[in-house]
C-alpha cells in the first residue's frame, strides 16, 4: 500500500486524469462527428502534435524554475525562416546540417534570454515578452519582409515524400513517421533527465525553494540559464519541424505557439509556481490541445472564433484546479509521507 501511495502522488493523479479526459473527449466527439476515428485522422494528429510537444518540453524545463518563456513562438519563426533562407541559397545543405542549424539558432536565442534573466535578474515575463518582439523583428529585417516559398526549397523538404512525410513503419495504414519519432526521443530523454539526472533534481529544487537551493550550494544562476538554453534549442528544433511541415514560411511563422505551449504545460500539470510537473504531463497537455483543436475544426457546432476562447478557459480551469484541488492533494500527500517515515 505504501508503494502504491508513493507512486501515485498528486502529479501522477493529474496525468492519469488528463488521459481519462482525452479518452472522454474522443468518446464525445465520436458521438457527434460521423466517422470521427479513422486512419487518416490518427495519422494527422500524430503529425500535428509534434511541434507543440517539442515546444512544451522546453517550456516545462523553464516552468519548473518558476519562469516563463513567451518568446518560443518567435524563436520558431526565426529558426524556420533562417534555415529556409539558407536552403534557398544553398540547396545542397544536408538535412542533418539543416537540423543542427535550426537548433543552433534556437540556442543563441535561448542564451540571450538566459543571460538577461539569470545573470541580469530581469523577470522572465518581461524579458521574453521583449525578445518575442525583437526576434520577430529580426525575421522581418533579415528577409526584407519577403516569405520563403516552397518552390524555393530543395525537394527533400517540400515534396509529398519530403522530410515531414518520411514513414519508418506502416501498420495497416497507421504510419510511424520520422518527425513523430524525433518528438518521442525528445520527450523521453528530457523526462529521464528531469527524473534521474542531478541537473533535473536541481531544477525542481530551485523551483520549490530558490533561497534554500542557493544555501545548499546549487549554482542557481547557471541552472536557470541552462533551462532557457534547453528551451531555446528545442524551439529551434521545432522551427525546423515547422519548416518541414509547412514549407512556406511567412513573417508570421510561429505566431501563437507561445500561447499554445504555455497552455499545454499548464493543462499538463506543470505548476506556474515552479517545482512540480513533468514532461509526460506537458506532452499529454499538447495532445489534448491538438486533439481538441482538430475536433472543433471538424465540428460544426463550435464557431472558429470560440476556439481560442476555449483554450483560454482551459488555462483558467487548470490553474484553479492546481491551486485548489491539486494543491490540497499535495499537502495531504506530504503529511501522509511524513507519517509513514
C-alpha atoms as a PDB file:
ATOM      1  CA  UNK A   1       0.000   0.000   0.000  1.00  0.00           C
ATOM      2  CA  UNK A   2       2.854   2.328   0.826  1.00  0.00           C
ATOM      3  CA  UNK A   3       4.460   1.730  -2.572  1.00  0.00           C
ATOM      4  CA  UNK A   4       1.173   2.481  -4.340  1.00  0.00           C
ATOM      5  CA  UNK A   5       0.744   5.663  -2.334  1.00  0.00           C
ATOM      6  CA  UNK A   6       4.321   6.701  -3.077  1.00  0.00           C
ATOM      7  CA  UNK A   7       3.955   6.222  -6.829  1.00  0.00           C
ATOM      8  CA  UNK A   8       0.515   7.803  -7.147  1.00  0.00           C
ATOM      9  CA  UNK A   9       1.299  11.279  -5.875  1.00  0.00           C
ATOM     10  CA  UNK A  10      -0.907  14.240  -6.930  1.00  0.00           C
ATOM     11  CA  UNK A  11       1.149  14.862 -10.088  1.00  0.00           C
ATOM     12  CA  UNK A  12       0.603  11.274 -11.273  1.00  0.00           C
ATOM     13  CA  UNK A  13      -3.101  11.553 -10.447  1.00  0.00           C
ATOM     14  CA  UNK A  14      -3.369  14.676 -12.574  1.00  0.00           C
ATOM     15  CA  UNK A  15      -1.647  12.996 -15.522  1.00  0.00           C
ATOM     16  CA  UNK A  16      -3.971   9.996 -15.251  1.00  0.00           C
ATOM     17  CA  UNK A  17      -6.973  12.330 -15.051  1.00  0.00           C
ATOM     18  CA  UNK A  18      -5.765  14.115 -18.204  1.00  0.00           C
ATOM     19  CA  UNK A  19      -5.512  10.802 -20.076  1.00  0.00           C
ATOM     20  CA  UNK A  20      -9.048   9.939 -18.949  1.00  0.00           C
ATOM     21  CA  UNK A  21     -10.174  13.388 -20.122  1.00  0.00           C
ATOM     22  CA  UNK A  22      -8.594  12.804 -23.546  1.00  0.00           C
ATOM     23  CA  UNK A  23     -10.381   9.461 -23.855  1.00  0.00           C
ATOM     24  CA  UNK A  24     -13.672  11.059 -22.767  1.00  0.00           C
ATOM     25  CA  UNK A  25     -13.221  13.810 -25.376  1.00  0.00           C
ATOM     26  CA  UNK A  26     -12.621  11.191 -28.080  1.00  0.00           C
ATOM     27  CA  UNK A  27     -15.795   9.417 -26.999  1.00  0.00           C
ATOM     28  CA  UNK A  28     -17.812  12.655 -27.012  1.00  0.00           C
ATOM     29  CA  UNK A  29     -16.700  13.737 -30.482  1.00  0.00           C
ATOM     30  CA  UNK A  30     -17.142  10.183 -31.796  1.00  0.00           C
ATOM     31  CA  UNK A  31     -20.831  10.510 -30.978  1.00  0.00           C
ATOM     32  CA  UNK A  32     -21.133  13.980 -32.520  1.00  0.00           C
ATOM     33  CA  UNK A  33     -18.977  13.613 -35.664  1.00  0.00           C
ATOM     34  CA  UNK A  34     -19.610  10.778 -38.150  1.00  0.00           C
ATOM     35  CA  UNK A  35     -16.556   8.628 -38.876  1.00  0.00           C
ATOM     36  CA  UNK A  36     -14.590  10.629 -36.284  1.00  0.00           C
ATOM     37  CA  UNK A  37     -11.928   7.995 -35.698  1.00  0.00           C
ATOM     38  CA  UNK A  38     -10.250   6.895 -38.902  1.00  0.00           C
ATOM     39  CA  UNK A  39      -6.723   6.142 -40.053  1.00  0.00           C
ATOM     40  CA  UNK A  40      -6.241   9.493 -41.799  1.00  0.00           C
ATOM     41  CA  UNK A  41      -7.308  11.394 -38.660  1.00  0.00           C
ATOM     42  CA  UNK A  42      -4.953   9.400 -36.412  1.00  0.00           C
ATOM     43  CA  UNK A  43      -2.038   9.998 -38.801  1.00  0.00           C
ATOM     44  CA  UNK A  44      -2.853  13.707 -38.940  1.00  0.00           C
ATOM     45  CA  UNK A  45      -2.993  14.015 -35.137  1.00  0.00           C
ATOM     46  CA  UNK A  46       0.285  12.132 -34.678  1.00  0.00           C
ATOM     47  CA  UNK A  47       1.954  14.597 -37.049  1.00  0.00           C
ATOM     48  CA  UNK A  48       0.209  17.695 -35.709  1.00  0.00           C
ATOM     49  CA  UNK A  49       1.288  17.167 -32.078  1.00  0.00           C
ATOM     50  CA  UNK A  50       5.000  17.116 -32.939  1.00  0.00           C
ATOM     51  CA  UNK A  51       5.793  20.853 -32.977  1.00  0.00           C
ATOM     52  CA  UNK A  52       3.734  21.762 -29.922  1.00  0.00           C
ATOM     53  CA  UNK A  53       5.030  18.780 -27.926  1.00  0.00           C
ATOM     54  CA  UNK A  54       8.674  19.714 -28.556  1.00  0.00           C
ATOM     55  CA  UNK A  55       7.935  23.302 -27.503  1.00  0.00           C
ATOM     56  CA  UNK A  56       6.074  22.106 -24.399  1.00  0.00           C
ATOM     57  CA  UNK A  57       9.081  20.020 -23.331  1.00  0.00           C
ATOM     58  CA  UNK A  58      11.335  23.081 -23.426  1.00  0.00           C
ATOM     59  CA  UNK A  59       8.704  25.224 -21.731  1.00  0.00           C
ATOM     60  CA  UNK A  60       8.466  22.641 -18.943  1.00  0.00           C
ATOM     61  CA  UNK A  61      12.148  22.987 -18.005  1.00  0.00           C
ATOM     62  CA  UNK A  62      11.658  26.755 -17.696  1.00  0.00           C
ATOM     63  CA  UNK A  63       8.348  26.489 -15.811  1.00  0.00           C
ATOM     64  CA  UNK A  64       9.882  24.183 -13.210  1.00  0.00           C
ATOM     65  CA  UNK A  65      12.286  27.003 -12.254  1.00  0.00           C
ATOM     66  CA  UNK A  66       9.366  29.457 -11.743  1.00  0.00           C
ATOM     67  CA  UNK A  67       9.954  31.193 -15.070  1.00  0.00           C
ATOM     68  CA  UNK A  68       8.185  31.633 -18.416  1.00  0.00           C
ATOM     69  CA  UNK A  69       9.433  31.703 -21.998  1.00  0.00           C
ATOM     70  CA  UNK A  70       6.996  33.759 -24.050  1.00  0.00           C
ATOM     71  CA  UNK A  71       9.472  34.114 -26.908  1.00  0.00           C
ATOM     72  CA  UNK A  72       9.351  30.493 -28.149  1.00  0.00           C
ATOM     73  CA  UNK A  73       6.917  31.301 -30.980  1.00  0.00           C
ATOM     74  CA  UNK A  74       9.289  33.916 -32.351  1.00  0.00           C
ATOM     75  CA  UNK A  75      12.264  31.550 -31.940  1.00  0.00           C
ATOM     76  CA  UNK A  76      10.362  29.022 -34.055  1.00  0.00           C
ATOM     77  CA  UNK A  77       9.820  31.732 -36.671  1.00  0.00           C
ATOM     78  CA  UNK A  78      13.469  32.867 -36.611  1.00  0.00           C
ATOM     79  CA  UNK A  79      14.918  29.363 -36.917  1.00  0.00           C
ATOM     80  CA  UNK A  80      12.409  28.267 -39.586  1.00  0.00           C
ATOM     81  CA  UNK A  81      12.989  31.388 -41.672  1.00  0.00           C
ATOM     82  CA  UNK A  82      16.787  31.350 -41.267  1.00  0.00           C
ATOM     83  CA  UNK A  83      17.132  27.683 -42.226  1.00  0.00           C
ATOM     84  CA  UNK A  84      14.618  28.101 -45.061  1.00  0.00           C
ATOM     85  CA  UNK A  85      16.560  31.054 -46.446  1.00  0.00           C
ATOM     86  CA  UNK A  86      19.850  29.150 -46.202  1.00  0.00           C
ATOM     87  CA  UNK A  87      18.326  26.176 -48.019  1.00  0.00           C
ATOM     88  CA  UNK A  88      17.120  28.571 -50.719  1.00  0.00           C
ATOM     89  CA  UNK A  89      20.636  29.966 -51.143  1.00  0.00           C
ATOM     90  CA  UNK A  90      22.430  26.639 -50.650  1.00  0.00           C
ATOM     91  CA  UNK A  91      20.088  23.754 -51.623  1.00  0.00           C
ATOM     92  CA  UNK A  92      22.952  21.264 -51.268  1.00  0.00           C
ATOM     93  CA  UNK A  93      22.850  21.545 -47.454  1.00  0.00           C
ATOM     94  CA  UNK A  94      22.391  18.119 -45.853  1.00  0.00           C
ATOM     95  CA  UNK A  95      19.192  17.606 -43.788  1.00  0.00           C
ATOM     96  CA  UNK A  96      21.197  16.870 -40.625  1.00  0.00           C
ATOM     97  CA  UNK A  97      23.141  20.113 -41.060  1.00  0.00           C
ATOM     98  CA  UNK A  98      19.842  21.981 -41.509  1.00  0.00           C
ATOM     99  CA  UNK A  99      18.525  20.498 -38.256  1.00  0.00           C
ATOM    100  CA  UNK A 100      21.701  21.475 -36.403  1.00  0.00           C
ATOM    101  CA  UNK A 101      21.493  24.981 -37.861  1.00  0.00           C
ATOM    102  CA  UNK A 102      17.941  25.373 -36.558  1.00  0.00           C
ATOM    103  CA  UNK A 103      18.911  24.112 -33.107  1.00  0.00           C
ATOM    104  CA  UNK A 104      21.915  26.451 -33.146  1.00  0.00           C
ATOM    105  CA  UNK A 105      19.731  29.473 -33.882  1.00  0.00           C
ATOM    106  CA  UNK A 106      17.438  28.413 -31.040  1.00  0.00           C
ATOM    107  CA  UNK A 107      20.379  28.017 -28.666  1.00  0.00           C
ATOM    108  CA  UNK A 108      21.564  31.545 -29.468  1.00  0.00           C
ATOM    109  CA  UNK A 109      18.095  32.955 -28.769  1.00  0.00           C
ATOM    110  CA  UNK A 110      17.816  30.882 -25.590  1.00  0.00           C
ATOM    111  CA  UNK A 111      21.239  32.069 -24.454  1.00  0.00           C
ATOM    112  CA  UNK A 112      20.142  35.703 -24.904  1.00  0.00           C
ATOM    113  CA  UNK A 113      17.067  35.064 -22.750  1.00  0.00           C
ATOM    114  CA  UNK A 114      19.077  33.127 -20.188  1.00  0.00           C
ATOM    115  CA  UNK A 115      21.771  35.776 -19.834  1.00  0.00           C
ATOM    116  CA  UNK A 116      19.271  38.591 -19.330  1.00  0.00           C
ATOM    117  CA  UNK A 117      17.081  36.631 -16.907  1.00  0.00           C
ATOM    118  CA  UNK A 118      19.585  34.647 -14.841  1.00  0.00           C
ATOM    119  CA  UNK A 119      22.564  36.992 -14.822  1.00  0.00           C
ATOM    120  CA  UNK A 120      20.736  40.291 -15.358  1.00  0.00           C
ATOM    121  CA  UNK A 121      17.938  39.310 -12.916  1.00  0.00           C
ATOM    122  CA  UNK A 122      15.226  40.643 -15.224  1.00  0.00           C
ATOM    123  CA  UNK A 123      11.808  38.947 -14.683  1.00  0.00           C
ATOM    124  CA  UNK A 124      11.312  36.249 -17.319  1.00  0.00           C
ATOM    125  CA  UNK A 125       7.881  37.526 -18.380  1.00  0.00           C
ATOM    126  CA  UNK A 126       9.246  40.995 -19.157  1.00  0.00           C
ATOM    127  CA  UNK A 127      12.418  39.724 -20.835  1.00  0.00           C
ATOM    128  CA  UNK A 128      10.814  37.109 -23.088  1.00  0.00           C
ATOM    129  CA  UNK A 129       7.965  39.450 -23.967  1.00  0.00           C
ATOM    130  CA  UNK A 130      10.604  41.897 -25.210  1.00  0.00           C
ATOM    131  CA  UNK A 131      12.661  39.267 -27.042  1.00  0.00           C
ATOM    132  CA  UNK A 132       9.465  37.934 -28.640  1.00  0.00           C
ATOM    133  CA  UNK A 133       9.200  41.263 -30.455  1.00  0.00           C
ATOM    134  CA  UNK A 134      12.954  41.559 -31.058  1.00  0.00           C
ATOM    135  CA  UNK A 135      13.305  38.090 -32.588  1.00  0.00           C
ATOM    136  CA  UNK A 136      10.241  38.686 -34.765  1.00  0.00           C
ATOM    137  CA  UNK A 137      11.760  41.974 -35.976  1.00  0.00           C
ATOM    138  CA  UNK A 138      14.933  40.082 -36.907  1.00  0.00           C
ATOM    139  CA  UNK A 139      12.869  37.868 -39.227  1.00  0.00           C
ATOM    140  CA  UNK A 140      11.377  40.950 -40.892  1.00  0.00           C
ATOM    141  CA  UNK A 141      14.746  42.659 -41.364  1.00  0.00           C
ATOM    142  CA  UNK A 142      16.694  39.532 -42.319  1.00  0.00           C
ATOM    143  CA  UNK A 143      14.230  38.544 -45.035  1.00  0.00           C
ATOM    144  CA  UNK A 144      13.373  42.065 -46.206  1.00  0.00           C
ATOM    145  CA  UNK A 145       9.742  41.250 -45.384  1.00  0.00           C
ATOM    146  CA  UNK A 146       9.702  38.528 -48.071  1.00  0.00           C
ATOM    147  CA  UNK A 147       8.393  34.991 -47.425  1.00  0.00           C
ATOM    148  CA  UNK A 148      10.282  31.781 -48.168  1.00  0.00           C
ATOM    149  CA  UNK A 149       8.183  29.798 -50.648  1.00  0.00           C
ATOM    150  CA  UNK A 150       8.134  26.049 -51.152  1.00  0.00           C
ATOM    151  CA  UNK A 151       9.280  26.351 -54.779  1.00  0.00           C
ATOM    152  CA  UNK A 152      12.495  27.959 -53.493  1.00  0.00           C
ATOM    153  CA  UNK A 153      13.410  24.988 -51.278  1.00  0.00           C
ATOM    154  CA  UNK A 154      15.058  21.645 -52.144  1.00  0.00           C
ATOM    155  CA  UNK A 155      12.816  18.690 -52.937  1.00  0.00           C
ATOM    156  CA  UNK A 156      13.724  16.689 -49.805  1.00  0.00           C
ATOM    157  CA  UNK A 157      11.781  19.150 -47.649  1.00  0.00           C
ATOM    158  CA  UNK A 158       8.899  20.178 -49.919  1.00  0.00           C
ATOM    159  CA  UNK A 159       7.714  17.161 -51.887  1.00  0.00           C
ATOM    160  CA  UNK A 160       4.929  14.813 -50.808  1.00  0.00           C
ATOM    161  CA  UNK A 161       7.585  12.309 -49.771  1.00  0.00           C
ATOM    162  CA  UNK A 162       9.641  15.008 -48.043  1.00  0.00           C
ATOM    163  CA  UNK A 163      11.095  15.022 -44.535  1.00  0.00           C
ATOM    164  CA  UNK A 164       7.755  15.540 -42.802  1.00  0.00           C
ATOM    165  CA  UNK A 165       6.292  12.547 -44.669  1.00  0.00           C
ATOM    166  CA  UNK A 166       9.084  10.011 -44.075  1.00  0.00           C
ATOM    167  CA  UNK A 167       7.387   6.847 -42.795  1.00  0.00           C
ATOM    168  CA  UNK A 168       9.531   4.457 -40.755  1.00  0.00           C
ATOM    169  CA  UNK A 169       6.816   1.850 -40.250  1.00  0.00           C
ATOM    170  CA  UNK A 170       3.340   1.304 -41.619  1.00  0.00           C
ATOM    171  CA  UNK A 171       0.796  -0.955 -39.955  1.00  0.00           C
ATOM    172  CA  UNK A 172      -2.397  -1.251 -41.996  1.00  0.00           C
ATOM    173  CA  UNK A 173      -2.299   2.429 -42.890  1.00  0.00           C
ATOM    174  CA  UNK A 174      -1.211   3.692 -39.441  1.00  0.00           C
ATOM    175  CA  UNK A 175       2.068   5.498 -40.042  1.00  0.00           C
ATOM    176  CA  UNK A 176       5.029   5.895 -37.714  1.00  0.00           C
ATOM    177  CA  UNK A 177       6.711   8.984 -39.118  1.00  0.00           C
ATOM    178  CA  UNK A 178      10.238  10.269 -38.594  1.00  0.00           C
ATOM    179  CA  UNK A 179       9.046  13.541 -37.068  1.00  0.00           C
ATOM    180  CA  UNK A 180       6.953  11.639 -34.503  1.00  0.00           C
ATOM    181  CA  UNK A 181       9.979   9.541 -33.506  1.00  0.00           C
ATOM    182  CA  UNK A 182      12.078  12.716 -33.114  1.00  0.00           C
ATOM    183  CA  UNK A 183       9.408  14.110 -30.795  1.00  0.00           C
ATOM    184  CA  UNK A 184       9.267  10.866 -28.767  1.00  0.00           C
ATOM    185  CA  UNK A 185      13.043  10.884 -28.333  1.00  0.00           C
ATOM    186  CA  UNK A 186      12.925  14.484 -27.059  1.00  0.00           C
ATOM    187  CA  UNK A 187      10.108  13.701 -24.617  1.00  0.00           C
ATOM    188  CA  UNK A 188      11.759  10.553 -23.253  1.00  0.00           C
ATOM    189  CA  UNK A 189      15.276  11.973 -22.960  1.00  0.00           C
ATOM    190  CA  UNK A 190      14.206  15.152 -21.151  1.00  0.00           C
ATOM    191  CA  UNK A 191      11.797  13.233 -18.894  1.00  0.00           C
ATOM    192  CA  UNK A 192      14.609  10.859 -17.888  1.00  0.00           C
ATOM    193  CA  UNK A 193      16.915  13.814 -17.330  1.00  0.00           C
ATOM    194  CA  UNK A 194      14.411  15.527 -15.043  1.00  0.00           C
ATOM    195  CA  UNK A 195      13.670  12.324 -13.140  1.00  0.00           C
ATOM    196  CA  UNK A 196      17.112  10.780 -12.667  1.00  0.00           C
ATOM    197  CA  UNK A 197      19.878  13.239 -13.509  1.00  0.00           C
ATOM    198  CA  UNK A 198      21.340  15.594 -10.932  1.00  0.00           C
ATOM    199  CA  UNK A 199      20.585  18.596 -13.137  1.00  0.00           C
ATOM    200  CA  UNK A 200      16.893  17.681 -13.252  1.00  0.00           C
ATOM    201  CA  UNK A 201      16.668  17.335  -9.475  1.00  0.00           C
ATOM    202  CA  UNK A 202      18.317  20.723  -9.099  1.00  0.00           C
ATOM    203  CA  UNK A 203      15.755  22.285 -11.428  1.00  0.00           C
ATOM    204  CA  UNK A 204      12.981  21.057  -9.129  1.00  0.00           C
ATOM    205  CA  UNK A 205      14.885  22.223  -6.051  1.00  0.00           C
ATOM    206  CA  UNK A 206      15.269  25.747  -7.439  1.00  0.00           C
ATOM    207  CA  UNK A 207      11.612  25.912  -8.391  1.00  0.00           C
ATOM    208  CA  UNK A 208      10.472  24.628  -4.999  1.00  0.00           C
ATOM    209  CA  UNK A 209      12.615  26.996  -2.925  1.00  0.00           C
ATOM    210  CA  UNK A 210      15.156  29.248  -4.629  1.00  0.00           C
ATOM    211  CA  UNK A 211      16.738  30.503  -1.403  1.00  0.00           C
ATOM    212  CA  UNK A 212      17.117  27.020   0.072  1.00  0.00           C
ATOM    213  CA  UNK A 213      18.709  25.799  -3.172  1.00  0.00           C
ATOM    214  CA  UNK A 214      21.205  28.669  -3.082  1.00  0.00           C
ATOM    215  CA  UNK A 215      22.067  27.990   0.576  1.00  0.00           C
ATOM    216  CA  UNK A 216      22.587  24.323  -0.321  1.00  0.00           C
ATOM    217  CA  UNK A 217      25.251  25.453  -2.779  1.00  0.00           C
ATOM    218  CA  UNK A 218      23.372  24.961  -6.043  1.00  0.00           C
ATOM    219  CA  UNK A 219      24.538  27.214  -8.917  1.00  0.00           C
ATOM    220  CA  UNK A 220      21.073  28.724  -9.383  1.00  0.00           C
ATOM    221  CA  UNK A 221      22.096  31.283 -11.993  1.00  0.00           C
ATOM    222  CA  UNK A 222      23.807  28.735 -14.200  1.00  0.00           C
ATOM    223  CA  UNK A 223      20.972  26.220 -13.873  1.00  0.00           C
ATOM    224  CA  UNK A 224      18.288  28.761 -14.837  1.00  0.00           C
ATOM    225  CA  UNK A 225      20.474  29.869 -17.757  1.00  0.00           C
ATOM    226  CA  UNK A 226      20.725  26.232 -18.906  1.00  0.00           C
ATOM    227  CA  UNK A 227      16.941  25.814 -18.641  1.00  0.00           C
ATOM    228  CA  UNK A 228      16.434  28.714 -21.063  1.00  0.00           C
ATOM    229  CA  UNK A 229      19.178  27.281 -23.270  1.00  0.00           C
ATOM    230  CA  UNK A 230      17.256  23.986 -23.464  1.00  0.00           C
ATOM    231  CA  UNK A 231      14.005  25.823 -24.177  1.00  0.00           C
ATOM    232  CA  UNK A 232      15.645  27.833 -26.957  1.00  0.00           C
ATOM    233  CA  UNK A 233      17.347  24.809 -28.509  1.00  0.00           C
ATOM    234  CA  UNK A 234      14.103  22.826 -28.583  1.00  0.00           C
ATOM    235  CA  UNK A 235      12.262  25.837 -30.022  1.00  0.00           C
ATOM    236  CA  UNK A 236      14.913  25.875 -32.764  1.00  0.00           C
ATOM    237  CA  UNK A 237      14.270  22.187 -33.436  1.00  0.00           C
ATOM    238  CA  UNK A 238      10.545  22.958 -33.531  1.00  0.00           C
ATOM    239  CA  UNK A 239      11.374  25.664 -36.093  1.00  0.00           C
ATOM    240  CA  UNK A 240      12.919  23.074 -38.410  1.00  0.00           C
ATOM    241  CA  UNK A 241       9.901  20.794 -37.917  1.00  0.00           C
ATOM    242  CA  UNK A 242       7.683  23.789 -38.719  1.00  0.00           C
ATOM    243  CA  UNK A 243       9.636  24.379 -41.938  1.00  0.00           C
ATOM    244  CA  UNK A 244       9.428  20.682 -42.858  1.00  0.00           C
ATOM    245  CA  UNK A 245       5.678  20.623 -42.314  1.00  0.00           C
ATOM    246  CA  UNK A 246       4.566  23.886 -43.938  1.00  0.00           C
ATOM    247  CA  UNK A 247       7.435  24.726 -46.360  1.00  0.00           C
ATOM    248  CA  UNK A 248       6.015  28.215 -46.978  1.00  0.00           C
ATOM    249  CA  UNK A 249       7.474  30.423 -44.217  1.00  0.00           C
ATOM    250  CA  UNK A 250       5.980  33.877 -43.814  1.00  0.00           C
ATOM    251  CA  UNK A 251       6.799  36.613 -41.325  1.00  0.00           C
ATOM    252  CA  UNK A 252       4.007  35.282 -39.086  1.00  0.00           C
ATOM    253  CA  UNK A 253       5.606  31.833 -38.750  1.00  0.00           C
ATOM    254  CA  UNK A 254       5.264  30.503 -35.211  1.00  0.00           C
ATOM    255  CA  UNK A 255       2.895  33.208 -34.003  1.00  0.00           C
ATOM    256  CA  UNK A 256       0.608  31.905 -31.253  1.00  0.00           C
ATOM    257  CA  UNK A 257       2.771  28.895 -30.436  1.00  0.00           C
ATOM    258  CA  UNK A 258       3.992  30.571 -27.231  1.00  0.00           C
ATOM    259  CA  UNK A 259       0.403  30.723 -26.000  1.00  0.00           C
ATOM    260  CA  UNK A 260      -0.265  27.122 -27.059  1.00  0.00           C
ATOM    261  CA  UNK A 261       2.904  25.808 -25.392  1.00  0.00           C
ATOM    262  CA  UNK A 262       2.091  27.542 -22.104  1.00  0.00           C
ATOM    263  CA  UNK A 263      -1.452  26.166 -22.315  1.00  0.00           C
ATOM    264  CA  UNK A 264      -0.117  22.632 -22.858  1.00  0.00           C
ATOM    265  CA  UNK A 265       2.265  22.910 -19.907  1.00  0.00           C
ATOM    266  CA  UNK A 266      -0.350  24.308 -17.528  1.00  0.00           C
ATOM    267  CA  UNK A 267      -3.007  21.785 -18.561  1.00  0.00           C
ATOM    268  CA  UNK A 268      -0.363  19.063 -18.224  1.00  0.00           C
ATOM    269  CA  UNK A 269       0.072  19.860 -14.542  1.00  0.00           C
ATOM    270  CA  UNK A 270       3.320  21.840 -14.507  1.00  0.00           C
ATOM    271  CA  UNK A 271       2.755  24.441 -11.803  1.00  0.00           C
ATOM    272  CA  UNK A 272       3.343  28.098 -12.619  1.00  0.00           C
ATOM    273  CA  UNK A 273       4.755  28.381  -9.086  1.00  0.00           C
ATOM    274  CA  UNK A 274       7.597  26.028 -10.019  1.00  0.00           C
ATOM    275  CA  UNK A 275       8.977  22.865  -8.522  1.00  0.00           C
ATOM    276  CA  UNK A 276       6.341  20.402  -9.781  1.00  0.00           C
ATOM    277  CA  UNK A 277       5.224  18.818 -13.017  1.00  0.00           C
ATOM    278  CA  UNK A 278       6.673  16.535 -15.662  1.00  0.00           C
ATOM    279  CA  UNK A 279       7.420  16.357 -19.362  1.00  0.00           C
ATOM    280  CA  UNK A 280       4.947  13.477 -19.702  1.00  0.00           C
ATOM    281  CA  UNK A 281       2.182  15.699 -18.322  1.00  0.00           C
ATOM    282  CA  UNK A 282       3.118  18.516 -20.711  1.00  0.00           C
ATOM    283  CA  UNK A 283       3.094  16.033 -23.604  1.00  0.00           C
ATOM    284  CA  UNK A 284      -0.430  14.892 -22.720  1.00  0.00           C
ATOM    285  CA  UNK A 285      -1.381  18.568 -22.456  1.00  0.00           C
ATOM    286  CA  UNK A 286      -0.148  19.100 -26.025  1.00  0.00           C
ATOM    287  CA  UNK A 287      -2.054  16.026 -27.203  1.00  0.00           C
ATOM    288  CA  UNK A 288      -5.208  17.346 -25.521  1.00  0.00           C
ATOM    289  CA  UNK A 289      -4.913  20.770 -27.199  1.00  0.00           C
ATOM    290  CA  UNK A 290      -4.176  19.445 -30.705  1.00  0.00           C
ATOM    291  CA  UNK A 291      -6.916  16.847 -30.445  1.00  0.00           C
ATOM    292  CA  UNK A 292      -9.371  19.474 -29.226  1.00  0.00           C
ATOM    293  CA  UNK A 293      -8.427  21.957 -31.971  1.00  0.00           C
ATOM    294  CA  UNK A 294      -8.731  19.347 -34.728  1.00  0.00           C
ATOM    295  CA  UNK A 295     -12.005  18.051 -33.321  1.00  0.00           C
ATOM    296  CA  UNK A 296     -13.502  21.531 -33.015  1.00  0.00           C
ATOM    297  CA  UNK A 297     -12.401  22.237 -36.594  1.00  0.00           C
ATOM    298  CA  UNK A 298     -14.360  19.194 -37.751  1.00  0.00           C
ATOM    299  CA  UNK A 299     -17.336  20.053 -35.568  1.00  0.00           C
ATOM    300  CA  UNK A 300     -19.893  22.464 -36.992  1.00  0.00           C
ATOM    301  CA  UNK A 301     -21.323  23.134 -33.538  1.00  0.00           C
ATOM    302  CA  UNK A 302     -18.461  25.420 -32.449  1.00  0.00           C
ATOM    303  CA  UNK A 303     -17.549  28.667 -34.206  1.00  0.00           C
ATOM    304  CA  UNK A 304     -13.939  29.220 -35.241  1.00  0.00           C
ATOM    305  CA  UNK A 305     -13.834  32.386 -33.128  1.00  0.00           C
ATOM    306  CA  UNK A 306     -14.558  30.402 -29.973  1.00  0.00           C
ATOM    307  CA  UNK A 307     -11.562  28.064 -30.256  1.00  0.00           C
ATOM    308  CA  UNK A 308      -9.003  30.425 -28.698  1.00  0.00           C
ATOM    309  CA  UNK A 309     -11.547  31.377 -26.046  1.00  0.00           C
ATOM    310  CA  UNK A 310     -11.956  27.709 -25.150  1.00  0.00           C
ATOM    311  CA  UNK A 311      -8.186  27.338 -24.768  1.00  0.00           C
ATOM    312  CA  UNK A 312      -8.132  30.408 -22.527  1.00  0.00           C
ATOM    313  CA  UNK A 313     -10.897  28.948 -20.376  1.00  0.00           C
ATOM    314  CA  UNK A 314      -8.942  25.708 -20.106  1.00  0.00           C
ATOM    315  CA  UNK A 315      -5.909  27.611 -18.775  1.00  0.00           C
ATOM    316  CA  UNK A 316      -8.034  29.252 -16.086  1.00  0.00           C
ATOM    317  CA  UNK A 317      -9.612  25.935 -15.116  1.00  0.00           C
ATOM    318  CA  UNK A 318      -6.206  24.225 -14.975  1.00  0.00           C
ATOM    319  CA  UNK A 319      -4.670  26.967 -12.809  1.00  0.00           C
ATOM    320  CA  UNK A 320      -7.656  26.986 -10.435  1.00  0.00           C
ATOM    321  CA  UNK A 321      -7.517  23.194 -10.196  1.00  0.00           C
ATOM    322  CA  UNK A 322      -3.792  23.390  -9.460  1.00  0.00           C
ATOM    323  CA  UNK A 323      -4.268  25.899  -6.645  1.00  0.00           C
ATOM    324  CA  UNK A 324      -7.343  24.354  -5.034  1.00  0.00           C
ATOM    325  CA  UNK A 325      -7.619  20.628  -5.766  1.00  0.00           C
ATOM    326  CA  UNK A 326      -4.085  19.517  -6.628  1.00  0.00           C
ATOM    327  CA  UNK A 327      -2.604  21.881  -4.038  1.00  0.00           C
ATOM    328  CA  UNK A 328      -4.702  20.301  -1.311  1.00  0.00           C
ATOM    329  CA  UNK A 329      -3.816  16.803  -2.520  1.00  0.00           C
ATOM    330  CA  UNK A 330      -0.108  17.717  -2.407  1.00  0.00           C
ATOM    331  CA  UNK A 331      -0.417  18.857   1.223  1.00  0.00           C
ATOM    332  CA  UNK A 332      -2.283  15.694   2.217  1.00  0.00           C
ATOM    333  CA  UNK A 333       0.245  13.544   0.356  1.00  0.00           C
ATOM    334  CA  UNK A 334       3.174  15.335   2.050  1.00  0.00           C
ATOM    335  CA  UNK A 335       1.641  14.878   5.506  1.00  0.00           C
ATOM    336  CA  UNK A 336       0.975  11.201   4.809  1.00  0.00           C
ATOM    337  CA  UNK A 337       4.540  10.720   3.583  1.00  0.00           C
ATOM    338  CA  UNK A 338       5.905  12.261   6.779  1.00  0.00           C
ATOM    339  CA  UNK A 339       3.757   9.977   8.939  1.00  0.00           C
ATOM    340  CA  UNK A 340       4.963   6.877   7.089  1.00  0.00           C
ATOM    341  CA  UNK A 341       8.643   7.646   7.699  1.00  0.00           C
END
